[in-house]
């Protein structure tokens, strides 16, 4: 199992390096917390990010903490998460951000992993050749019978089957015979590719999208039809309300807040850049006045530096946020002249 090299901090703010496995986090003493740094986008980074992601996975798959029989994550009482965050997570991690940001990150991470765990359980234990009762009797290790029974009952509801059977499952079901064998070799090859992509997917594949598993394996739809959806289904209607996917996650209304947050951070960077340019301008003016005072005029070798205007915000938008080569050269000259002043 992978180790993570992280910083730990005690109650007196003393730091030390630790080599920790994900499962070791539960065994940490209450005197030390793992430091988790956040960037300006309120996202964790560094080795500790991988550690807490794995730790959230352990918590999410513990059905004593987060039972699997609730139909959807929002149906779980928030007290379940509050208990885990306050009693388990906060005692082991020192979040270098405000608590609301830390709480939101852990909440979303556990939500995603809880949903993925339920999906993986169903894929592993569902057998189309077995009845509902038979599947209920095949209880996974570590899952209480009552939770598994409720979960299987939920999965067999007609509303669940209609809502959660994506194109991938429809394709698989319609290209197999009653005995479970494939209708032909071509169908077998495609179905095996679909099953492979499904096993690696971390998003909800029940949503019909041009980028779902069927679209990924079989390619772009032909005009006038959508695979697996029968007559009358056309791309312009079926995909009209499909949400785009970014980085393995479905886009949602929360994207608007993300865009606002990114805009705020961009404005902060731009303001910092403008302030930097103003400081540079003041330094240049002071250096110019100093040279005129000492030399009576601007020496010829420096004339080009004072003739060049400083970088503008428009230049910053094109990527010129760092000092130019001329500015670096000028700074070196200023340092030399400053040394000469002190020694003369």
C-alpha atoms as a PDB file:
ATOM      1  CA  UNK A   1       0.000   0.000   0.000  1.00  0.00           C
ATOM      2  CA  UNK A   2       1.247   3.486  -0.883  1.00  0.00           C
ATOM      3  CA  UNK A   3       2.878   5.742   1.675  1.00  0.00           C
ATOM      4  CA  UNK A   4       2.454   9.523   1.769  1.00  0.00           C
ATOM      5  CA  UNK A   5       5.147  11.877   3.068  1.00  0.00           C
ATOM      6  CA  UNK A   6       3.272  14.643   4.904  1.00  0.00           C
ATOM      7  CA  UNK A   7       3.734  17.352   7.513  1.00  0.00           C
ATOM      8  CA  UNK A   8       2.209  16.870  10.954  1.00  0.00           C
ATOM      9  CA  UNK A   9       1.668  19.594  13.535  1.00  0.00           C
ATOM     10  CA  UNK A  10       1.078  19.427  17.286  1.00  0.00           C
ATOM     11  CA  UNK A  11      -0.760  21.726  19.690  1.00  0.00           C
ATOM     12  CA  UNK A  12       2.352  23.902  20.068  1.00  0.00           C
ATOM     13  CA  UNK A  13       2.683  24.411  16.293  1.00  0.00           C
ATOM     14  CA  UNK A  14       5.744  22.156  16.080  1.00  0.00           C
ATOM     15  CA  UNK A  15       6.025  20.417  12.709  1.00  0.00           C
ATOM     16  CA  UNK A  16       7.584  17.157  11.654  1.00  0.00           C
ATOM     17  CA  UNK A  17       7.537  14.879   8.614  1.00  0.00           C
ATOM     18  CA  UNK A  18       5.590  11.636   8.708  1.00  0.00           C
ATOM     19  CA  UNK A  19       5.434   8.640   6.376  1.00  0.00           C
ATOM     20  CA  UNK A  20       1.792   7.564   6.499  1.00  0.00           C
ATOM     21  CA  UNK A  21      -0.441   5.011   4.811  1.00  0.00           C
ATOM     22  CA  UNK A  22      -4.126   5.807   4.333  1.00  0.00           C
ATOM     23  CA  UNK A  23      -5.214   3.236   6.929  1.00  0.00           C
ATOM     24  CA  UNK A  24      -2.659   4.612   9.413  1.00  0.00           C
ATOM     25  CA  UNK A  25      -4.600   7.868   9.654  1.00  0.00           C
ATOM     26  CA  UNK A  26      -7.139   6.290  11.988  1.00  0.00           C
ATOM     27  CA  UNK A  27      -4.316   5.300  14.345  1.00  0.00           C
ATOM     28  CA  UNK A  28      -2.835   8.783  14.697  1.00  0.00           C
ATOM     29  CA  UNK A  29      -2.660  10.126  18.215  1.00  0.00           C
ATOM     30  CA  UNK A  30      -4.851  13.069  19.080  1.00  0.00           C
ATOM     31  CA  UNK A  31      -1.731  15.164  19.710  1.00  0.00           C
ATOM     32  CA  UNK A  32      -0.723  15.396  16.038  1.00  0.00           C
ATOM     33  CA  UNK A  33      -2.687  16.466  12.958  1.00  0.00           C
ATOM     34  CA  UNK A  34      -1.749  16.131   9.300  1.00  0.00           C
ATOM     35  CA  UNK A  35      -1.350  19.530   7.649  1.00  0.00           C
ATOM     36  CA  UNK A  36      -3.491  20.012   4.543  1.00  0.00           C
ATOM     37  CA  UNK A  37      -2.663  23.110   2.502  1.00  0.00           C
ATOM     38  CA  UNK A  38      -5.179  24.796   0.160  1.00  0.00           C
ATOM     39  CA  UNK A  39      -4.457  26.941  -2.895  1.00  0.00           C
ATOM     40  CA  UNK A  40      -6.136  30.199  -3.955  1.00  0.00           C
ATOM     41  CA  UNK A  41      -8.904  28.177  -5.661  1.00  0.00           C
ATOM     42  CA  UNK A  42      -9.740  26.546  -2.314  1.00  0.00           C
ATOM     43  CA  UNK A  43      -8.435  23.174  -3.494  1.00  0.00           C
ATOM     44  CA  UNK A  44      -6.024  21.040  -1.430  1.00  0.00           C
ATOM     45  CA  UNK A  45      -2.621  20.232  -2.870  1.00  0.00           C
ATOM     46  CA  UNK A  46       0.520  18.287  -2.027  1.00  0.00           C
ATOM     47  CA  UNK A  47       0.999  14.787  -0.677  1.00  0.00           C
ATOM     48  CA  UNK A  48      -1.608  15.336   2.027  1.00  0.00           C
ATOM     49  CA  UNK A  49      -4.271  15.796  -0.677  1.00  0.00           C
ATOM     50  CA  UNK A  50      -3.790  12.223  -1.838  1.00  0.00           C
ATOM     51  CA  UNK A  51      -3.859  11.027   1.750  1.00  0.00           C
ATOM     52  CA  UNK A  52      -7.150  12.689   2.662  1.00  0.00           C
ATOM     53  CA  UNK A  53      -8.728  11.550  -0.621  1.00  0.00           C
ATOM     54  CA  UNK A  54      -7.926   7.954   0.284  1.00  0.00           C
ATOM     55  CA  UNK A  55      -9.094   8.491   3.857  1.00  0.00           C
ATOM     56  CA  UNK A  56     -12.421   9.882   2.630  1.00  0.00           C
ATOM     57  CA  UNK A  57     -12.735   6.720   0.561  1.00  0.00           C
ATOM     58  CA  UNK A  58     -12.367   4.562   3.692  1.00  0.00           C
ATOM     59  CA  UNK A  59     -14.987   6.612   5.520  1.00  0.00           C
ATOM     60  CA  UNK A  60     -17.409   6.631   2.574  1.00  0.00           C
ATOM     61  CA  UNK A  61     -17.354   2.842   2.229  1.00  0.00           C
ATOM     62  CA  UNK A  62     -17.934   2.231   5.939  1.00  0.00           C
ATOM     63  CA  UNK A  63     -21.663   1.441   6.008  1.00  0.00           C
ATOM     64  CA  UNK A  64     -21.717   1.940   9.770  1.00  0.00           C
ATOM     65  CA  UNK A  65     -20.931   5.617   9.131  1.00  0.00           C
ATOM     66  CA  UNK A  66     -22.752   6.076   5.824  1.00  0.00           C
ATOM     67  CA  UNK A  67     -25.410   3.381   5.243  1.00  0.00           C
ATOM     68  CA  UNK A  68     -25.914   2.263   1.644  1.00  0.00           C
ATOM     69  CA  UNK A  69     -29.671   1.790   1.787  1.00  0.00           C
ATOM     70  CA  UNK A  70     -30.541   5.478   1.434  1.00  0.00           C
ATOM     71  CA  UNK A  71     -31.741   6.007  -2.120  1.00  0.00           C
ATOM     72  CA  UNK A  72     -29.622   9.107  -2.737  1.00  0.00           C
ATOM     73  CA  UNK A  73     -26.841  10.911  -0.895  1.00  0.00           C
ATOM     74  CA  UNK A  74     -28.951  14.028  -0.130  1.00  0.00           C
ATOM     75  CA  UNK A  75     -31.407  11.748   1.691  1.00  0.00           C
ATOM     76  CA  UNK A  76     -28.807  10.958   4.364  1.00  0.00           C
ATOM     77  CA  UNK A  77     -29.331  13.175   7.426  1.00  0.00           C
ATOM     78  CA  UNK A  78     -26.611  15.830   7.538  1.00  0.00           C
ATOM     79  CA  UNK A  79     -25.921  14.731  11.104  1.00  0.00           C
ATOM     80  CA  UNK A  80     -24.200  11.614   9.688  1.00  0.00           C
ATOM     81  CA  UNK A  81     -21.605  13.764   7.946  1.00  0.00           C
ATOM     82  CA  UNK A  82     -21.296  16.283  10.796  1.00  0.00           C
ATOM     83  CA  UNK A  83     -20.495  13.474  13.220  1.00  0.00           C
ATOM     84  CA  UNK A  84     -17.763  12.072  10.948  1.00  0.00           C
ATOM     85  CA  UNK A  85     -16.242  15.455  10.148  1.00  0.00           C
ATOM     86  CA  UNK A  86     -16.221  16.742  13.730  1.00  0.00           C
ATOM     87  CA  UNK A  87     -15.310  13.505  15.548  1.00  0.00           C
ATOM     88  CA  UNK A  88     -12.984  11.820  13.026  1.00  0.00           C
ATOM     89  CA  UNK A  89     -11.685  14.107  10.278  1.00  0.00           C
ATOM     90  CA  UNK A  90     -10.990  17.320  12.224  1.00  0.00           C
ATOM     91  CA  UNK A  91      -9.074  15.403  14.892  1.00  0.00           C
ATOM     92  CA  UNK A  92      -6.637  14.062  12.294  1.00  0.00           C
ATOM     93  CA  UNK A  93      -6.242  16.896   9.790  1.00  0.00           C
ATOM     94  CA  UNK A  94      -5.238  20.519  10.200  1.00  0.00           C
ATOM     95  CA  UNK A  95      -6.932  22.401   7.354  1.00  0.00           C
ATOM     96  CA  UNK A  96      -5.031  25.520   6.295  1.00  0.00           C
ATOM     97  CA  UNK A  97      -8.215  27.277   5.211  1.00  0.00           C
ATOM     98  CA  UNK A  98     -11.516  28.368   6.699  1.00  0.00           C
ATOM     99  CA  UNK A  99     -13.668  25.558   8.057  1.00  0.00           C
ATOM    100  CA  UNK A 100     -16.475  26.080   5.529  1.00  0.00           C
ATOM    101  CA  UNK A 101     -14.075  25.363   2.656  1.00  0.00           C
ATOM    102  CA  UNK A 102     -12.628  22.300   4.391  1.00  0.00           C
ATOM    103  CA  UNK A 103     -16.088  20.991   5.266  1.00  0.00           C
ATOM    104  CA  UNK A 104     -17.324  21.442   1.684  1.00  0.00           C
ATOM    105  CA  UNK A 105     -14.308  19.635   0.227  1.00  0.00           C
ATOM    106  CA  UNK A 106     -14.639  16.633   2.565  1.00  0.00           C
ATOM    107  CA  UNK A 107     -18.417  16.524   2.090  1.00  0.00           C
ATOM    108  CA  UNK A 108     -18.147  16.417  -1.713  1.00  0.00           C
ATOM    109  CA  UNK A 109     -15.314  13.881  -1.611  1.00  0.00           C
ATOM    110  CA  UNK A 110     -17.238  11.466   0.613  1.00  0.00           C
ATOM    111  CA  UNK A 111     -20.408  11.989  -1.448  1.00  0.00           C
ATOM    112  CA  UNK A 112     -18.617  11.039  -4.668  1.00  0.00           C
ATOM    113  CA  UNK A 113     -16.957   7.992  -3.137  1.00  0.00           C
ATOM    114  CA  UNK A 114     -20.162   6.812  -1.406  1.00  0.00           C
ATOM    115  CA  UNK A 115     -21.998   6.941  -4.735  1.00  0.00           C
ATOM    116  CA  UNK A 116     -19.168   5.175  -6.565  1.00  0.00           C
ATOM    117  CA  UNK A 117     -19.039   2.458  -3.897  1.00  0.00           C
ATOM    118  CA  UNK A 118     -22.764   1.713  -4.256  1.00  0.00           C
ATOM    119  CA  UNK A 119     -22.425   1.588  -8.023  1.00  0.00           C
ATOM    120  CA  UNK A 120     -19.448  -0.783  -7.799  1.00  0.00           C
ATOM    121  CA  UNK A 121     -21.322  -3.024  -5.353  1.00  0.00           C
ATOM    122  CA  UNK A 122     -24.250  -3.322  -7.722  1.00  0.00           C
ATOM    123  CA  UNK A 123     -22.032  -4.044 -10.712  1.00  0.00           C
ATOM    124  CA  UNK A 124     -20.236  -6.745  -8.759  1.00  0.00           C
ATOM    125  CA  UNK A 125     -23.293  -8.503  -7.271  1.00  0.00           C
ATOM    126  CA  UNK A 126     -26.034  -7.970  -9.835  1.00  0.00           C
ATOM    127  CA  UNK A 127     -26.700 -11.018 -12.001  1.00  0.00           C
ATOM    128  CA  UNK A 128     -29.416 -10.793 -14.667  1.00  0.00           C
ATOM    129  CA  UNK A 129     -29.868 -14.574 -14.422  1.00  0.00           C
ATOM    130  CA  UNK A 130     -30.741 -14.390 -10.713  1.00  0.00           C
ATOM    131  CA  UNK A 131     -33.975 -13.307  -9.122  1.00  0.00           C
ATOM    132  CA  UNK A 132     -34.333 -10.384  -6.743  1.00  0.00           C
ATOM    133  CA  UNK A 133     -34.564 -12.772  -3.781  1.00  0.00           C
ATOM    134  CA  UNK A 134     -31.411 -14.621  -4.839  1.00  0.00           C
ATOM    135  CA  UNK A 135     -29.447 -11.360  -5.091  1.00  0.00           C
ATOM    136  CA  UNK A 136     -30.723 -10.324  -1.657  1.00  0.00           C
ATOM    137  CA  UNK A 137     -29.313 -13.550  -0.224  1.00  0.00           C
ATOM    138  CA  UNK A 138     -25.882 -12.917  -1.753  1.00  0.00           C
ATOM    139  CA  UNK A 139     -24.811 -10.373   0.854  1.00  0.00           C
ATOM    140  CA  UNK A 140     -21.408  -8.684   0.370  1.00  0.00           C
ATOM    141  CA  UNK A 141     -18.914  -9.009   3.201  1.00  0.00           C
ATOM    142  CA  UNK A 142     -19.198  -6.227   5.740  1.00  0.00           C
ATOM    143  CA  UNK A 143     -22.691  -5.120   4.665  1.00  0.00           C
ATOM    144  CA  UNK A 144     -25.545  -5.623   7.176  1.00  0.00           C
ATOM    145  CA  UNK A 145     -28.388  -7.740   5.834  1.00  0.00           C
ATOM    146  CA  UNK A 146     -31.018  -5.036   6.348  1.00  0.00           C
ATOM    147  CA  UNK A 147     -29.004  -2.463   4.412  1.00  0.00           C
ATOM    148  CA  UNK A 148     -28.332  -4.862   1.541  1.00  0.00           C
ATOM    149  CA  UNK A 149     -31.963  -5.952   1.380  1.00  0.00           C
ATOM    150  CA  UNK A 150     -33.161  -2.340   1.226  1.00  0.00           C
ATOM    151  CA  UNK A 151     -30.513  -1.474  -1.352  1.00  0.00           C
ATOM    152  CA  UNK A 152     -31.448  -4.379  -3.638  1.00  0.00           C
ATOM    153  CA  UNK A 153     -35.134  -3.551  -3.253  1.00  0.00           C
ATOM    154  CA  UNK A 154     -34.382   0.040  -4.309  1.00  0.00           C
ATOM    155  CA  UNK A 155     -32.379  -1.131  -7.329  1.00  0.00           C
ATOM    156  CA  UNK A 156     -35.282  -3.314  -8.504  1.00  0.00           C
ATOM    157  CA  UNK A 157     -37.865  -0.545  -8.321  1.00  0.00           C
ATOM    158  CA  UNK A 158     -39.286   0.306 -11.718  1.00  0.00           C
ATOM    159  CA  UNK A 159     -38.567   4.002 -11.206  1.00  0.00           C
ATOM    160  CA  UNK A 160     -34.939   3.200 -10.377  1.00  0.00           C
ATOM    161  CA  UNK A 161     -34.519   0.936 -13.389  1.00  0.00           C
ATOM    162  CA  UNK A 162     -35.951   3.577 -15.696  1.00  0.00           C
ATOM    163  CA  UNK A 163     -33.925   6.382 -14.171  1.00  0.00           C
ATOM    164  CA  UNK A 164     -30.604   4.612 -13.753  1.00  0.00           C
ATOM    165  CA  UNK A 165     -30.409   2.287 -16.742  1.00  0.00           C
ATOM    166  CA  UNK A 166     -28.159   4.187 -19.093  1.00  0.00           C
ATOM    167  CA  UNK A 167     -27.450   3.417 -22.720  1.00  0.00           C
ATOM    168  CA  UNK A 168     -24.525   1.189 -21.768  1.00  0.00           C
ATOM    169  CA  UNK A 169     -26.668  -1.227 -19.775  1.00  0.00           C
ATOM    170  CA  UNK A 170     -29.363  -1.177 -22.451  1.00  0.00           C
ATOM    171  CA  UNK A 171     -26.779  -2.074 -25.070  1.00  0.00           C
ATOM    172  CA  UNK A 172     -25.441  -4.930 -22.958  1.00  0.00           C
ATOM    173  CA  UNK A 173     -28.912  -6.308 -22.219  1.00  0.00           C
ATOM    174  CA  UNK A 174     -30.049  -6.187 -25.854  1.00  0.00           C
ATOM    175  CA  UNK A 175     -26.946  -7.883 -27.234  1.00  0.00           C
ATOM    176  CA  UNK A 176     -27.070 -10.979 -25.064  1.00  0.00           C
ATOM    177  CA  UNK A 177     -29.141 -14.128 -25.334  1.00  0.00           C
ATOM    178  CA  UNK A 178     -31.260 -15.461 -22.465  1.00  0.00           C
ATOM    179  CA  UNK A 179     -28.423 -17.745 -21.393  1.00  0.00           C
ATOM    180  CA  UNK A 180     -26.099 -14.744 -21.008  1.00  0.00           C
ATOM    181  CA  UNK A 181     -23.997 -15.377 -24.128  1.00  0.00           C
ATOM    182  CA  UNK A 182     -23.529 -12.687 -26.753  1.00  0.00           C
ATOM    183  CA  UNK A 183     -25.561 -12.673 -29.965  1.00  0.00           C
ATOM    184  CA  UNK A 184     -22.381 -12.738 -32.086  1.00  0.00           C
ATOM    185  CA  UNK A 185     -18.630 -12.122 -31.917  1.00  0.00           C
ATOM    186  CA  UNK A 186     -18.898  -8.491 -33.002  1.00  0.00           C
ATOM    187  CA  UNK A 187     -21.383  -7.783 -30.207  1.00  0.00           C
ATOM    188  CA  UNK A 188     -19.135  -9.606 -27.731  1.00  0.00           C
ATOM    189  CA  UNK A 189     -16.153  -7.428 -28.633  1.00  0.00           C
ATOM    190  CA  UNK A 190     -18.155  -4.199 -28.274  1.00  0.00           C
ATOM    191  CA  UNK A 191     -19.831  -5.304 -25.029  1.00  0.00           C
ATOM    192  CA  UNK A 192     -16.483  -6.196 -23.474  1.00  0.00           C
ATOM    193  CA  UNK A 193     -15.168  -2.714 -24.323  1.00  0.00           C
ATOM    194  CA  UNK A 194     -18.295  -1.148 -22.809  1.00  0.00           C
ATOM    195  CA  UNK A 195     -17.944  -3.207 -19.616  1.00  0.00           C
ATOM    196  CA  UNK A 196     -14.276  -2.218 -19.339  1.00  0.00           C
ATOM    197  CA  UNK A 197     -15.057   1.498 -19.651  1.00  0.00           C
ATOM    198  CA  UNK A 198     -17.975   1.120 -17.202  1.00  0.00           C
ATOM    199  CA  UNK A 199     -15.684  -0.479 -14.625  1.00  0.00           C
ATOM    200  CA  UNK A 200     -13.330   2.506 -14.836  1.00  0.00           C
ATOM    201  CA  UNK A 201     -16.007   5.205 -14.899  1.00  0.00           C
ATOM    202  CA  UNK A 202     -16.430   7.516 -11.903  1.00  0.00           C
ATOM    203  CA  UNK A 203     -19.502   9.397 -13.162  1.00  0.00           C
ATOM    204  CA  UNK A 204     -23.208   8.624 -13.391  1.00  0.00           C
ATOM    205  CA  UNK A 205     -23.546   6.713 -16.656  1.00  0.00           C
ATOM    206  CA  UNK A 206     -27.345   6.670 -16.466  1.00  0.00           C
ATOM    207  CA  UNK A 207     -27.432  10.109 -18.051  1.00  0.00           C
ATOM    208  CA  UNK A 208     -27.688   9.881 -21.835  1.00  0.00           C
ATOM    209  CA  UNK A 209     -24.930  11.956 -23.348  1.00  0.00           C
ATOM    210  CA  UNK A 210     -22.866  11.982 -26.558  1.00  0.00           C
ATOM    211  CA  UNK A 211     -19.888  11.417 -24.241  1.00  0.00           C
ATOM    212  CA  UNK A 212     -21.303   8.496 -22.243  1.00  0.00           C
ATOM    213  CA  UNK A 213     -19.852   4.978 -22.467  1.00  0.00           C
ATOM    214  CA  UNK A 214     -21.744   4.088 -25.659  1.00  0.00           C
ATOM    215  CA  UNK A 215     -20.629   7.308 -27.302  1.00  0.00           C
ATOM    216  CA  UNK A 216     -17.044   6.704 -26.199  1.00  0.00           C
ATOM    217  CA  UNK A 217     -16.904   3.124 -27.495  1.00  0.00           C
ATOM    218  CA  UNK A 218     -19.003   3.414 -30.667  1.00  0.00           C
ATOM    219  CA  UNK A 219     -18.255   6.994 -31.637  1.00  0.00           C
ATOM    220  CA  UNK A 220     -20.402   9.834 -32.892  1.00  0.00           C
ATOM    221  CA  UNK A 221     -24.094   9.226 -33.560  1.00  0.00           C
ATOM    222  CA  UNK A 222     -25.383   9.129 -37.112  1.00  0.00           C
ATOM    223  CA  UNK A 223     -27.839  11.832 -38.094  1.00  0.00           C
ATOM    224  CA  UNK A 224     -31.453  10.999 -37.289  1.00  0.00           C
ATOM    225  CA  UNK A 225     -31.002   8.369 -34.569  1.00  0.00           C
ATOM    226  CA  UNK A 226     -29.559   7.659 -31.132  1.00  0.00           C
ATOM    227  CA  UNK A 227     -28.248   4.183 -30.370  1.00  0.00           C
ATOM    228  CA  UNK A 228     -30.293   2.050 -27.942  1.00  0.00           C
ATOM    229  CA  UNK A 229     -33.208   4.476 -27.705  1.00  0.00           C
ATOM    230  CA  UNK A 230     -35.395   3.173 -30.529  1.00  0.00           C
ATOM    231  CA  UNK A 231     -37.366   4.980 -33.210  1.00  0.00           C
ATOM    232  CA  UNK A 232     -38.070   8.665 -32.838  1.00  0.00           C
ATOM    233  CA  UNK A 233     -34.997   9.436 -30.742  1.00  0.00           C
ATOM    234  CA  UNK A 234     -32.771  11.969 -32.527  1.00  0.00           C
ATOM    235  CA  UNK A 235     -29.580  13.654 -31.268  1.00  0.00           C
ATOM    236  CA  UNK A 236     -31.004  17.175 -31.439  1.00  0.00           C
ATOM    237  CA  UNK A 237     -33.715  16.249 -28.904  1.00  0.00           C
ATOM    238  CA  UNK A 238     -32.033  13.594 -26.757  1.00  0.00           C
ATOM    239  CA  UNK A 239     -28.782  15.500 -26.221  1.00  0.00           C
ATOM    240  CA  UNK A 240     -30.426  18.931 -25.969  1.00  0.00           C
ATOM    241  CA  UNK A 241     -30.398  18.947 -22.171  1.00  0.00           C
ATOM    242  CA  UNK A 242     -27.333  16.786 -21.662  1.00  0.00           C
ATOM    243  CA  UNK A 243     -24.870  18.434 -19.318  1.00  0.00           C
ATOM    244  CA  UNK A 244     -21.225  18.630 -20.435  1.00  0.00           C
ATOM    245  CA  UNK A 245     -18.595  16.706 -18.480  1.00  0.00           C
ATOM    246  CA  UNK A 246     -15.394  18.234 -17.201  1.00  0.00           C
ATOM    247  CA  UNK A 247     -12.556  16.203 -15.699  1.00  0.00           C
ATOM    248  CA  UNK A 248     -14.742  13.194 -14.935  1.00  0.00           C
ATOM    249  CA  UNK A 249     -17.521  15.217 -13.288  1.00  0.00           C
ATOM    250  CA  UNK A 250     -20.874  16.403 -14.533  1.00  0.00           C
ATOM    251  CA  UNK A 251     -21.363  20.148 -14.848  1.00  0.00           C
ATOM    252  CA  UNK A 252     -24.116  21.630 -12.690  1.00  0.00           C
ATOM    253  CA  UNK A 253     -25.443  24.907 -11.416  1.00  0.00           C
ATOM    254  CA  UNK A 254     -22.485  25.026  -9.030  1.00  0.00           C
ATOM    255  CA  UNK A 255     -20.321  25.898 -12.047  1.00  0.00           C
ATOM    256  CA  UNK A 256     -21.638  29.453 -11.858  1.00  0.00           C
ATOM    257  CA  UNK A 257     -20.246  29.906  -8.357  1.00  0.00           C
ATOM    258  CA  UNK A 258     -16.976  28.369  -9.534  1.00  0.00           C
ATOM    259  CA  UNK A 259     -16.773  30.878 -12.383  1.00  0.00           C
ATOM    260  CA  UNK A 260     -17.452  33.740  -9.979  1.00  0.00           C
ATOM    261  CA  UNK A 261     -14.770  32.434  -7.660  1.00  0.00           C
ATOM    262  CA  UNK A 262     -12.262  32.170 -10.533  1.00  0.00           C
ATOM    263  CA  UNK A 263     -13.143  35.701 -11.649  1.00  0.00           C
ATOM    264  CA  UNK A 264     -12.506  37.008  -8.144  1.00  0.00           C
ATOM    265  CA  UNK A 265      -9.112  35.329  -8.047  1.00  0.00           C
ATOM    266  CA  UNK A 266      -8.263  36.659 -11.499  1.00  0.00           C
ATOM    267  CA  UNK A 267      -9.150  40.191 -10.348  1.00  0.00           C
ATOM    268  CA  UNK A 268      -6.916  39.746  -7.307  1.00  0.00           C
ATOM    269  CA  UNK A 269      -4.010  38.640  -9.491  1.00  0.00           C
ATOM    270  CA  UNK A 270      -4.598  41.518 -11.892  1.00  0.00           C
ATOM    271  CA  UNK A 271      -4.715  44.043  -9.034  1.00  0.00           C
ATOM    272  CA  UNK A 272      -1.494  42.597  -7.619  1.00  0.00           C
ATOM    273  CA  UNK A 273       0.103  42.866 -11.037  1.00  0.00           C
ATOM    274  CA  UNK A 274      -1.027  46.486 -11.432  1.00  0.00           C
ATOM    275  CA  UNK A 275       0.362  47.307  -7.992  1.00  0.00           C
ATOM    276  CA  UNK A 276       3.636  45.665  -8.969  1.00  0.00           C
ATOM    277  CA  UNK A 277       3.801  47.804 -12.103  1.00  0.00           C
ATOM    278  CA  UNK A 278       3.090  50.934 -10.067  1.00  0.00           C
ATOM    279  CA  UNK A 279       5.896  50.049  -7.632  1.00  0.00           C
ATOM    280  CA  UNK A 280       8.230  49.452 -10.575  1.00  0.00           C
ATOM    281  CA  UNK A 281       7.273  52.824 -12.072  1.00  0.00           C
ATOM    282  CA  UNK A 282       7.982  54.595  -8.776  1.00  0.00           C
ATOM    283  CA  UNK A 283      11.344  52.827  -8.482  1.00  0.00           C
ATOM    284  CA  UNK A 284      12.270  53.877 -12.024  1.00  0.00           C
ATOM    285  CA  UNK A 285      11.327  57.498 -11.336  1.00  0.00           C
ATOM    286  CA  UNK A 286      13.367  57.507  -8.134  1.00  0.00           C
ATOM    287  CA  UNK A 287      16.359  55.974  -9.911  1.00  0.00           C
ATOM    288  CA  UNK A 288      16.009  58.497 -12.757  1.00  0.00           C
ATOM    289  CA  UNK A 289      15.979  61.410 -10.283  1.00  0.00           C
ATOM    290  CA  UNK A 290      19.023  59.950  -8.515  1.00  0.00           C
ATOM    291  CA  UNK A 291      21.005  59.683 -11.766  1.00  0.00           C
ATOM    292  CA  UNK A 292      20.125  63.242 -12.808  1.00  0.00           C
ATOM    293  CA  UNK A 293      21.198  64.451  -9.362  1.00  0.00           C
ATOM    294  CA  UNK A 294      24.529  62.591  -9.562  1.00  0.00           C
ATOM    295  CA  UNK A 295      25.311  62.941 -13.279  1.00  0.00           C
ATOM    296  CA  UNK A 296      23.354  66.036 -14.287  1.00  0.00           C
ATOM    297  CA  UNK A 297      21.638  64.072 -17.059  1.00  0.00           C
ATOM    298  CA  UNK A 298      20.641  60.543 -18.060  1.00  0.00           C
ATOM    299  CA  UNK A 299      23.717  58.664 -19.319  1.00  0.00           C
ATOM    300  CA  UNK A 300      23.354  57.393 -22.856  1.00  0.00           C
ATOM    301  CA  UNK A 301      23.592  53.715 -21.825  1.00  0.00           C
ATOM    302  CA  UNK A 302      20.473  54.129 -19.636  1.00  0.00           C
ATOM    303  CA  UNK A 303      18.343  56.190 -22.014  1.00  0.00           C
ATOM    304  CA  UNK A 304      16.663  53.159 -23.579  1.00  0.00           C
ATOM    305  CA  UNK A 305      15.450  51.887 -20.207  1.00  0.00           C
ATOM    306  CA  UNK A 306      13.621  55.082 -19.336  1.00  0.00           C
ATOM    307  CA  UNK A 307      12.188  55.386 -22.848  1.00  0.00           C
ATOM    308  CA  UNK A 308      10.465  51.954 -22.603  1.00  0.00           C
ATOM    309  CA  UNK A 309       7.006  52.132 -20.941  1.00  0.00           C
ATOM    310  CA  UNK A 310       6.248  49.622 -18.196  1.00  0.00           C
ATOM    311  CA  UNK A 311       4.168  46.522 -18.923  1.00  0.00           C
ATOM    312  CA  UNK A 312       0.430  47.289 -19.048  1.00  0.00           C
ATOM    313  CA  UNK A 313      -2.468  45.140 -17.866  1.00  0.00           C
ATOM    314  CA  UNK A 314      -3.135  44.350 -21.541  1.00  0.00           C
ATOM    315  CA  UNK A 315       0.357  42.823 -21.688  1.00  0.00           C
ATOM    316  CA  UNK A 316      -0.482  40.874 -18.528  1.00  0.00           C
ATOM    317  CA  UNK A 317      -3.506  39.334 -20.237  1.00  0.00           C
ATOM    318  CA  UNK A 318      -1.222  38.019 -22.976  1.00  0.00           C
ATOM    319  CA  UNK A 319       0.993  36.299 -20.432  1.00  0.00           C
ATOM    320  CA  UNK A 320       3.732  38.901 -19.704  1.00  0.00           C
ATOM    321  CA  UNK A 321       3.431  38.868 -15.946  1.00  0.00           C
ATOM    322  CA  UNK A 322       7.151  38.418 -15.188  1.00  0.00           C
ATOM    323  CA  UNK A 323       9.796  41.159 -15.579  1.00  0.00           C
ATOM    324  CA  UNK A 324      11.370  41.511 -19.009  1.00  0.00           C
ATOM    325  CA  UNK A 325      15.004  40.804 -19.748  1.00  0.00           C
ATOM    326  CA  UNK A 326      15.656  44.541 -19.867  1.00  0.00           C
ATOM    327  CA  UNK A 327      14.173  44.995 -16.421  1.00  0.00           C
ATOM    328  CA  UNK A 328      16.345  42.175 -15.036  1.00  0.00           C
ATOM    329  CA  UNK A 329      19.420  43.772 -16.573  1.00  0.00           C
ATOM    330  CA  UNK A 330      18.475  47.155 -15.178  1.00  0.00           C
ATOM    331  CA  UNK A 331      17.971  45.724 -11.698  1.00  0.00           C
ATOM    332  CA  UNK A 332      21.485  44.280 -11.843  1.00  0.00           C
ATOM    333  CA  UNK A 333      22.879  47.684 -12.801  1.00  0.00           C
ATOM    334  CA  UNK A 334      20.939  49.346  -9.973  1.00  0.00           C
ATOM    335  CA  UNK A 335      22.440  46.893  -7.493  1.00  0.00           C
ATOM    336  CA  UNK A 336      25.958  47.639  -8.775  1.00  0.00           C
ATOM    337  CA  UNK A 337      25.365  51.404  -8.582  1.00  0.00           C
ATOM    338  CA  UNK A 338      23.968  51.058  -5.058  1.00  0.00           C
ATOM    339  CA  UNK A 339      27.110  49.201  -3.972  1.00  0.00           C
ATOM    340  CA  UNK A 340      29.262  51.919  -5.550  1.00  0.00           C
ATOM    341  CA  UNK A 341      27.381  54.593  -3.598  1.00  0.00           C
ATOM    342  CA  UNK A 342      27.995  52.800  -0.296  1.00  0.00           C
ATOM    343  CA  UNK A 343      31.680  52.284  -0.994  1.00  0.00           C
ATOM    344  CA  UNK A 344      32.272  55.782  -2.352  1.00  0.00           C
END
